[in-house]
Amino acid sequence: MSDDNAQPTDGLWSRLRLIEGQPLAARADAYTAVHDELFRRLESGAKLDSHEKSASGDR
């Protein structure tokens, strides 16, 4: 089961909520920017910070 109250610690959740309040064309551009940033982070092998590790790794 997932915790519906869990929120990302890096500001992603607030960023997505901000994007949702924008007009459609701006939203599309903003989601593309988020996608590109997350893709670069994954491709670079960026490590999770210790808080994210403990939240996702101790199951």
N, C-alpha and C. Protein backbone atom coordinates (compact mmCIF):
# COMPACT_ATOMS: atom_id res chain seq x y z
N MET A 1 0.83 -1.19 0.00
CA MET A 1 0.00 0.00 0.00
C MET A 1 0.86 1.24 0.00
N SER A 2 0.33 2.30 -0.59
CA SER A 2 1.09 3.55 -0.62
C SER A 2 0.48 4.54 0.36
N ASP A 3 1.31 5.44 0.79
CA ASP A 3 0.87 6.50 1.70
C ASP A 3 0.42 7.69 0.87
N ASP A 4 -0.88 7.95 0.83
CA ASP A 4 -1.42 9.02 0.00
C ASP A 4 -0.98 10.40 0.46
N ASN A 5 -0.49 10.52 1.67
CA ASN A 5 -0.06 11.81 2.20
C ASN A 5 1.42 12.06 1.96
N ALA A 6 2.13 11.08 1.39
CA ALA A 6 3.56 11.25 1.15
C ALA A 6 3.78 12.28 0.05
N GLN A 7 4.75 13.17 0.27
CA GLN A 7 5.08 14.19 -0.71
C GLN A 7 6.57 14.17 -0.96
N PRO A 8 6.98 14.38 -2.23
CA PRO A 8 8.41 14.44 -2.51
C PRO A 8 9.07 15.56 -1.70
N THR A 9 10.31 15.35 -1.31
CA THR A 9 10.99 16.31 -0.46
C THR A 9 11.75 17.37 -1.25
N ASP A 10 11.85 17.22 -2.57
CA ASP A 10 12.65 18.14 -3.35
C ASP A 10 11.85 19.23 -4.04
N GLY A 11 10.61 19.44 -3.64
CA GLY A 11 9.80 20.50 -4.22
C GLY A 11 9.03 20.06 -5.45
N LEU A 12 9.13 18.81 -5.84
CA LEU A 12 8.44 18.34 -7.04
C LEU A 12 6.93 18.49 -6.90
N TRP A 13 6.41 18.11 -5.75
CA TRP A 13 4.96 18.16 -5.54
C TRP A 13 4.43 19.59 -5.70
N SER A 14 5.08 20.54 -5.07
CA SER A 14 4.62 21.93 -5.18
C SER A 14 4.82 22.45 -6.60
N ARG A 15 5.86 22.01 -7.25
CA ARG A 15 6.09 22.42 -8.64
C ARG A 15 4.99 21.90 -9.55
N LEU A 16 4.58 20.65 -9.36
CA LEU A 16 3.51 20.08 -10.18
C LEU A 16 2.18 20.78 -9.91
N ARG A 17 1.92 21.11 -8.66
CA ARG A 17 0.68 21.84 -8.34
C ARG A 17 0.68 23.22 -8.99
N LEU A 18 1.81 23.87 -9.01
CA LEU A 18 1.93 25.17 -9.66
C LEU A 18 1.68 25.04 -11.17
N ILE A 19 2.24 24.02 -11.77
CA ILE A 19 2.05 23.79 -13.20
C ILE A 19 0.57 23.57 -13.52
N GLU A 20 -0.12 22.83 -12.68
CA GLU A 20 -1.54 22.54 -12.93
C GLU A 20 -2.40 23.80 -12.97
N GLY A 21 -1.96 24.88 -12.37
CA GLY A 21 -2.71 26.12 -12.36
C GLY A 21 -2.47 27.00 -13.59
N GLN A 22 -1.60 26.56 -14.47
CA GLN A 22 -1.25 27.35 -15.65
C GLN A 22 -2.16 27.02 -16.83
N PRO A 23 -2.24 27.94 -17.81
CA PRO A 23 -2.98 27.65 -19.05
C PRO A 23 -2.37 26.43 -19.76
N LEU A 24 -3.16 25.79 -20.60
CA LEU A 24 -2.77 24.52 -21.22
C LEU A 24 -1.42 24.58 -21.94
N ALA A 25 -1.20 25.58 -22.77
CA ALA A 25 0.06 25.66 -23.52
C ALA A 25 1.26 25.80 -22.58
N ALA A 26 1.12 26.62 -21.56
CA ALA A 26 2.20 26.80 -20.58
C ALA A 26 2.41 25.51 -19.79
N ARG A 27 1.32 24.83 -19.48
CA ARG A 27 1.40 23.56 -18.76
C ARG A 27 2.21 22.53 -19.54
N ALA A 28 1.93 22.44 -20.83
CA ALA A 28 2.65 21.48 -21.68
C ALA A 28 4.15 21.77 -21.66
N ASP A 29 4.52 23.03 -21.81
CA ASP A 29 5.94 23.40 -21.78
C ASP A 29 6.56 23.10 -20.42
N ALA A 30 5.83 23.39 -19.35
CA ALA A 30 6.35 23.17 -18.00
C ALA A 30 6.53 21.68 -17.72
N TYR A 31 5.57 20.85 -18.15
CA TYR A 31 5.72 19.40 -17.95
C TYR A 31 6.88 18.86 -18.78
N THR A 32 7.09 19.41 -19.95
CA THR A 32 8.24 18.99 -20.76
C THR A 32 9.54 19.33 -20.04
N ALA A 33 9.60 20.49 -19.42
CA ALA A 33 10.79 20.89 -18.67
C ALA A 33 11.02 19.97 -17.47
N VAL A 34 9.96 19.62 -16.76
CA VAL A 34 10.08 18.70 -15.62
C VAL A 34 10.57 17.34 -16.10
N HIS A 35 9.99 16.84 -17.18
CA HIS A 35 10.40 15.56 -17.74
C HIS A 35 11.88 15.58 -18.09
N ASP A 36 12.31 16.62 -18.80
CA ASP A 36 13.70 16.71 -19.21
C ASP A 36 14.65 16.76 -18.02
N GLU A 37 14.26 17.51 -17.00
CA GLU A 37 15.10 17.60 -15.79
C GLU A 37 15.21 16.25 -15.08
N LEU A 38 14.08 15.57 -14.92
CA LEU A 38 14.10 14.26 -14.26
C LEU A 38 14.88 13.24 -15.08
N PHE A 39 14.73 13.30 -16.40
CA PHE A 39 15.48 12.40 -17.27
C PHE A 39 16.98 12.61 -17.11
N ARG A 40 17.40 13.88 -17.11
CA ARG A 40 18.83 14.18 -16.93
C ARG A 40 19.34 13.67 -15.58
N ARG A 41 18.52 13.83 -14.53
CA ARG A 41 18.93 13.36 -13.20
C ARG A 41 19.08 11.85 -13.18
N LEU A 42 18.15 11.15 -13.81
CA LEU A 42 18.24 9.69 -13.86
C LEU A 42 19.44 9.23 -14.68
N GLU A 43 19.64 9.85 -15.82
CA GLU A 43 20.74 9.48 -16.69
C GLU A 43 22.10 9.77 -16.07
N SER A 44 22.18 10.80 -15.25
CA SER A 44 23.46 11.15 -14.64
C SER A 44 23.79 10.24 -13.46
N GLY A 45 22.82 9.43 -13.04
CA GLY A 45 23.05 8.56 -11.90
C GLY A 45 23.04 9.30 -10.59
N ALA A 46 22.35 10.42 -10.55
CA ALA A 46 22.28 11.22 -9.33
C ALA A 46 21.81 10.36 -8.16
N LYS A 47 22.49 10.49 -7.07
CA LYS A 47 22.15 9.72 -5.87
C LYS A 47 21.02 10.39 -5.12
N LEU A 48 20.20 9.56 -4.45
CA LEU A 48 19.16 10.08 -3.58
C LEU A 48 19.80 10.63 -2.32
N ASP A 49 19.22 11.68 -1.76
CA ASP A 49 19.74 12.15 -0.49
C ASP A 49 19.33 11.17 0.61
N SER A 50 19.89 11.29 1.79
CA SER A 50 19.67 10.30 2.85
C SER A 50 18.21 10.22 3.26
N HIS A 51 17.46 11.32 3.24
CA HIS A 51 16.04 11.30 3.61
C HIS A 51 15.25 10.49 2.59
N GLU A 52 15.53 10.66 1.30
CA GLU A 52 14.83 9.91 0.27
C GLU A 52 15.19 8.43 0.34
N LYS A 53 16.45 8.12 0.65
CA LYS A 53 16.86 6.73 0.77
C LYS A 53 16.09 6.05 1.89
N SER A 54 15.99 6.69 3.05
CA SER A 54 15.31 6.06 4.18
C SER A 54 13.83 5.92 3.92
N ALA A 55 13.24 6.83 3.15
CA ALA A 55 11.81 6.77 2.86
C ALA A 55 11.50 5.67 1.86
N SER A 56 12.41 5.38 0.93
CA SER A 56 12.10 4.41 -0.11
C SER A 56 12.84 3.09 0.06
N GLY A 57 13.91 3.05 0.79
CA GLY A 57 14.73 1.86 0.84
C GLY A 57 14.50 0.95 2.02
N ASP A 58 13.81 1.40 3.04
CA ASP A 58 13.64 0.59 4.25
C ASP A 58 12.29 -0.10 4.26
N ARG A 59 12.06 -0.95 3.28
CA ARG A 59 10.77 -1.64 3.20
C ARG A 59 10.92 -3.09 3.46
